[in-house]
PDB file of N, CA and C in Angstrom:
ATOM      1  N   MET A   1     -11.074  15.332  16.620  1.00  0.00           N
ATOM      2  CA  MET A   1     -10.939  14.321  15.925  1.00  0.00           C
ATOM      3  C   MET A   1     -10.692  13.088  15.942  1.00  0.00           C
ATOM      4  N   THR A   2     -11.505  11.737  15.538  1.00  0.00           N
ATOM      5  CA  THR A   2     -11.049  10.629  16.528  1.00  0.00           C
ATOM      6  C   THR A   2     -10.152   9.984  15.881  1.00  0.00           C
ATOM      7  N   LYS A   3      -9.884   9.261  17.294  1.00  0.00           N
ATOM      8  CA  LYS A   3      -8.525   8.447  15.979  1.00  0.00           C
ATOM      9  C   LYS A   3      -8.777   7.186  15.430  1.00  0.00           C
ATOM     10  N   LYS A   4      -8.414   7.025  14.374  1.00  0.00           N
ATOM     11  CA  LYS A   4      -8.607   5.903  13.310  1.00  0.00           C
ATOM     12  C   LYS A   4      -8.001   4.560  13.946  1.00  0.00           C
ATOM     13  N   GLN A   5      -8.051   3.342  13.955  1.00  0.00           N
ATOM     14  CA  GLN A   5      -7.264   2.407  14.095  1.00  0.00           C
ATOM     15  C   GLN A   5      -7.541   1.386  12.568  1.00  0.00           C
ATOM     16  N   PHE A   6      -6.496   0.893  12.133  1.00  0.00           N
ATOM     17  CA  PHE A   6      -6.286   0.521  10.907  1.00  0.00           C
ATOM     18  C   PHE A   6      -6.231  -1.436  11.516  1.00  0.00           C
ATOM     19  N   SER A   7      -6.564  -2.250  11.000  1.00  0.00           N
ATOM     20  CA  SER A   7      -6.349  -3.953  10.686  1.00  0.00           C
ATOM     21  C   SER A   7      -4.346  -3.776  10.729  1.00  0.00           C
ATOM     22  N   ALA A   8      -4.318  -4.820  10.824  1.00  0.00           N
ATOM     23  CA  ALA A   8      -2.703  -5.377   9.772  1.00  0.00           C
ATOM     24  C   ALA A   8      -3.588  -5.804   8.598  1.00  0.00           C
ATOM     25  N   ASN A   9      -4.393  -6.274   8.219  1.00  0.00           N
ATOM     26  CA  ASN A   9      -4.975  -6.453   6.897  1.00  0.00           C
ATOM     27  C   ASN A   9      -5.439  -5.307   6.407  1.00  0.00           C
ATOM     28  N   GLN A  10      -5.528  -4.211   6.840  1.00  0.00           N
ATOM     29  CA  GLN A  10      -6.220  -3.107   6.080  1.00  0.00           C
ATOM     30  C   GLN A  10      -4.780  -2.194   6.071  1.00  0.00           C
ATOM     31  N   ILE A  11      -3.858  -2.592   6.844  1.00  0.00           N
ATOM     32  CA  ILE A  11      -2.518  -1.636   6.332  1.00  0.00           C
ATOM     33  C   ILE A  11      -1.751  -1.646   5.762  1.00  0.00           C
ATOM     34  N   SER A  12      -2.029  -3.670   5.509  1.00  0.00           N
ATOM     35  CA  SER A  12      -1.631  -4.401   3.748  1.00  0.00           C
ATOM     36  C   SER A  12      -2.178  -3.681   3.062  1.00  0.00           C
ATOM     37  N   SER A  13      -2.965  -3.809   2.538  1.00  0.00           N
ATOM     38  CA  SER A  13      -4.138  -3.536   1.572  1.00  0.00           C
ATOM     39  C   SER A  13      -3.564  -2.250   1.028  1.00  0.00           C
ATOM     40  N   ILE A  14      -3.368  -0.942   2.124  1.00  0.00           N
ATOM     41  CA  ILE A  14      -3.461   0.255   1.767  1.00  0.00           C
ATOM     42  C   ILE A  14      -1.541   0.180   1.309  1.00  0.00           C
ATOM     43  N   LEU A  15      -0.344  -0.484   1.684  1.00  0.00           N
ATOM     44  CA  LEU A  15       0.664  -0.521   0.928  1.00  0.00           C
ATOM     45  C   LEU A  15       0.933  -1.490  -0.259  1.00  0.00           C
ATOM     46  N   LYS A  16      -0.375  -2.524  -0.236  1.00  0.00           N
ATOM     47  CA  LYS A  16       0.069  -2.783  -1.350  1.00  0.00           C
ATOM     48  C   LYS A  16      -0.653  -1.823  -3.086  1.00  0.00           C
ATOM     49  N   GLU A  17      -1.465  -1.036  -2.132  1.00  0.00           N
ATOM     50  CA  GLU A  17      -2.234   0.213  -3.925  1.00  0.00           C
ATOM     51  C   GLU A  17      -0.881   0.717  -3.722  1.00  0.00           C
ATOM     52  N   PHE A  18      -0.288   1.236  -2.902  1.00  0.00           N
ATOM     53  CA  PHE A  18       1.548   2.230  -2.911  1.00  0.00           C
ATOM     54  C   PHE A  18       2.118   1.683  -3.412  1.00  0.00           C
ATOM     55  N   ASP A  19       2.026   0.326  -3.878  1.00  0.00           N
ATOM     56  CA  ASP A  19       3.112  -0.698  -4.050  1.00  0.00           C
ATOM     57  C   ASP A  19       3.167  -0.475  -5.874  1.00  0.00           C
ATOM     58  N   ASN A  20       1.174  -0.660  -6.088  1.00  0.00           N
ATOM     59  CA  ASN A  20       1.172  -0.510  -7.091  1.00  0.00           C
ATOM     60  C   ASN A  20       1.202   0.691  -8.094  1.00  0.00           C
ATOM     61  N   GLY A  21       0.947   1.597  -7.100  1.00  0.00           N
ATOM     62  CA  GLY A  21       1.226   3.258  -8.507  1.00  0.00           C
ATOM     63  C   GLY A  21       0.625   3.914  -7.652  1.00  0.00           C
ATOM     64  N   ARG A  22      -0.209   3.867  -6.624  1.00  0.00           N
ATOM     65  CA  ARG A  22      -1.088   5.200  -6.347  1.00  0.00           C
ATOM     66  C   ARG A  22       0.056   5.753  -5.270  1.00  0.00           C
ATOM     67  N   SER A  23      -0.458   6.991  -5.990  1.00  0.00           N
ATOM     68  CA  SER A  23       0.256   7.899  -5.211  1.00  0.00           C
ATOM     69  C   SER A  23      -0.072   8.467  -3.872  1.00  0.00           C
ATOM     70  N   ILE A  24       1.353   8.343  -3.139  1.00  0.00           N
ATOM     71  CA  ILE A  24       1.016   9.463  -1.658  1.00  0.00           C
ATOM     72  C   ILE A  24       0.089  10.331  -0.936  1.00  0.00           C
ATOM     73  N   GLU A  25      -0.560  10.699  -2.401  1.00  0.00           N
ATOM     74  CA  GLU A  25      -1.326  12.403  -1.620  1.00  0.00           C
ATOM     75  C   GLU A  25      -2.497  11.304  -2.112  1.00  0.00           C
ATOM     76  N   GLU A  26      -2.604  10.272  -2.864  1.00  0.00           N
ATOM     77  CA  GLU A  26      -4.423   9.694  -3.104  1.00  0.00           C
ATOM     78  C   GLU A  26      -4.801   8.927  -1.777  1.00  0.00           C
ATOM     79  N   LEU A  27      -3.773   8.210  -1.324  1.00  0.00           N
ATOM     80  CA  LEU A  27      -3.564   6.964  -0.375  1.00  0.00           C
ATOM     81  C   LEU A  27      -4.148   8.423   0.535  1.00  0.00           C
ATOM     82  N   VAL A  28      -3.664   9.065   1.025  1.00  0.00           N
ATOM     83  CA  VAL A  28      -3.462  10.357   2.325  1.00  0.00           C
ATOM     84  C   VAL A  28      -4.810  10.527   2.737  1.00  0.00           C
ATOM     85  N   ARG A  29      -5.398  11.131   1.353  1.00  0.00           N
ATOM     86  CA  ARG A  29      -7.029  11.891   1.410  1.00  0.00           C
ATOM     87  C   ARG A  29      -7.900  10.888   1.118  1.00  0.00           C
ATOM     88  N   SER A  30      -7.794   9.348   0.657  1.00  0.00           N
ATOM     89  CA  SER A  30      -9.170   8.090   0.852  1.00  0.00           C
ATOM     90  C   SER A  30      -9.171   7.799   2.031  1.00  0.00           C
ATOM     91  N   TYR A  31      -8.003   7.525   2.065  1.00  0.00           N
ATOM     92  CA  TYR A  31      -8.141   7.000   4.234  1.00  0.00           C
ATOM     93  C   TYR A  31      -8.228   8.001   5.054  1.00  0.00           C
ATOM     94  N   GLY A  32      -7.207   8.902   4.447  1.00  0.00           N
ATOM     95  CA  GLY A  32      -7.370   9.960   6.067  1.00  0.00           C
ATOM     96  C   GLY A  32      -6.463   9.755   7.218  1.00  0.00           C
ATOM     97  N   ILE A  33      -5.404   9.254   6.538  1.00  0.00           N
ATOM     98  CA  ILE A  33      -4.194   9.189   7.462  1.00  0.00           C
ATOM     99  C   ILE A  33      -2.869  10.603   6.713  1.00  0.00           C
ATOM    100  N   SER A  34      -1.531  10.692   7.782  1.00  0.00           N
ATOM    101  CA  SER A  34      -0.758  11.128   7.472  1.00  0.00           C
ATOM    102  C   SER A  34       0.323  10.869   6.244  1.00  0.00           C
ATOM    103  N   ARG A  35       1.181  11.453   6.141  1.00  0.00           N
ATOM    104  CA  ARG A  35       1.877  11.352   5.262  1.00  0.00           C
ATOM    105  C   ARG A  35       3.006  10.616   6.207  1.00  0.00           C
ATOM    106  N   ALA A  36       3.051  10.887   7.663  1.00  0.00           N
ATOM    107  CA  ALA A  36       3.656  10.373   8.479  1.00  0.00           C
ATOM    108  C   ALA A  36       3.538   8.916   8.530  1.00  0.00           C
ATOM    109  N   THR A  37       2.175   8.847   9.314  1.00  0.00           N
ATOM    110  CA  THR A  37       1.457   7.457   9.553  1.00  0.00           C
ATOM    111  C   THR A  37       2.018   6.249   8.684  1.00  0.00           C
ATOM    112  N   LEU A  38       2.163   6.988   7.345  1.00  0.00           N
ATOM    113  CA  LEU A  38       2.326   5.859   5.932  1.00  0.00           C
ATOM    114  C   LEU A  38       3.813   5.250   5.990  1.00  0.00           C
ATOM    115  N   TYR A  39       4.273   6.535   5.901  1.00  0.00           N
ATOM    116  CA  TYR A  39       5.718   6.652   5.865  1.00  0.00           C
ATOM    117  C   TYR A  39       6.611   5.358   6.976  1.00  0.00           C
ATOM    118  N   ASN A  40       5.509   5.192   8.426  1.00  0.00           N
ATOM    119  CA  ASN A  40       6.490   4.449   9.530  1.00  0.00           C
ATOM    120  C   ASN A  40       5.635   3.461   9.441  1.00  0.00           C
ATOM    121  N   TRP A  41       4.658   3.118   8.279  1.00  0.00           N
ATOM    122  CA  TRP A  41       3.438   2.001   8.319  1.00  0.00           C
ATOM    123  C   TRP A  41       4.413   0.922   6.851  1.00  0.00           C
ATOM    124  N   ARG A  42       5.606   1.603   6.356  1.00  0.00           N
ATOM    125  CA  ARG A  42       6.548   1.594   5.378  1.00  0.00           C
ATOM    126  C   ARG A  42       7.412   0.341   6.245  1.00  0.00           C
ATOM    127  N   LYS A  43       7.586   0.903   7.234  1.00  0.00           N
ATOM    128  CA  LYS A  43       9.145   0.695   7.816  1.00  0.00           C
ATOM    129  C   LYS A  43       9.071  -1.269   8.192  1.00  0.00           C
TER     130      LYS A  43
END
């Protein structure tokens, strides 16, 4: 499995989607990231 790298702009966009009400499961599935990665980005 290859490691994806997201730019700061992409991370910001993903976190905005989460803040706007999109579920964690939807984000994890659509972007191919783990729940742990999403939580770490939120810190």
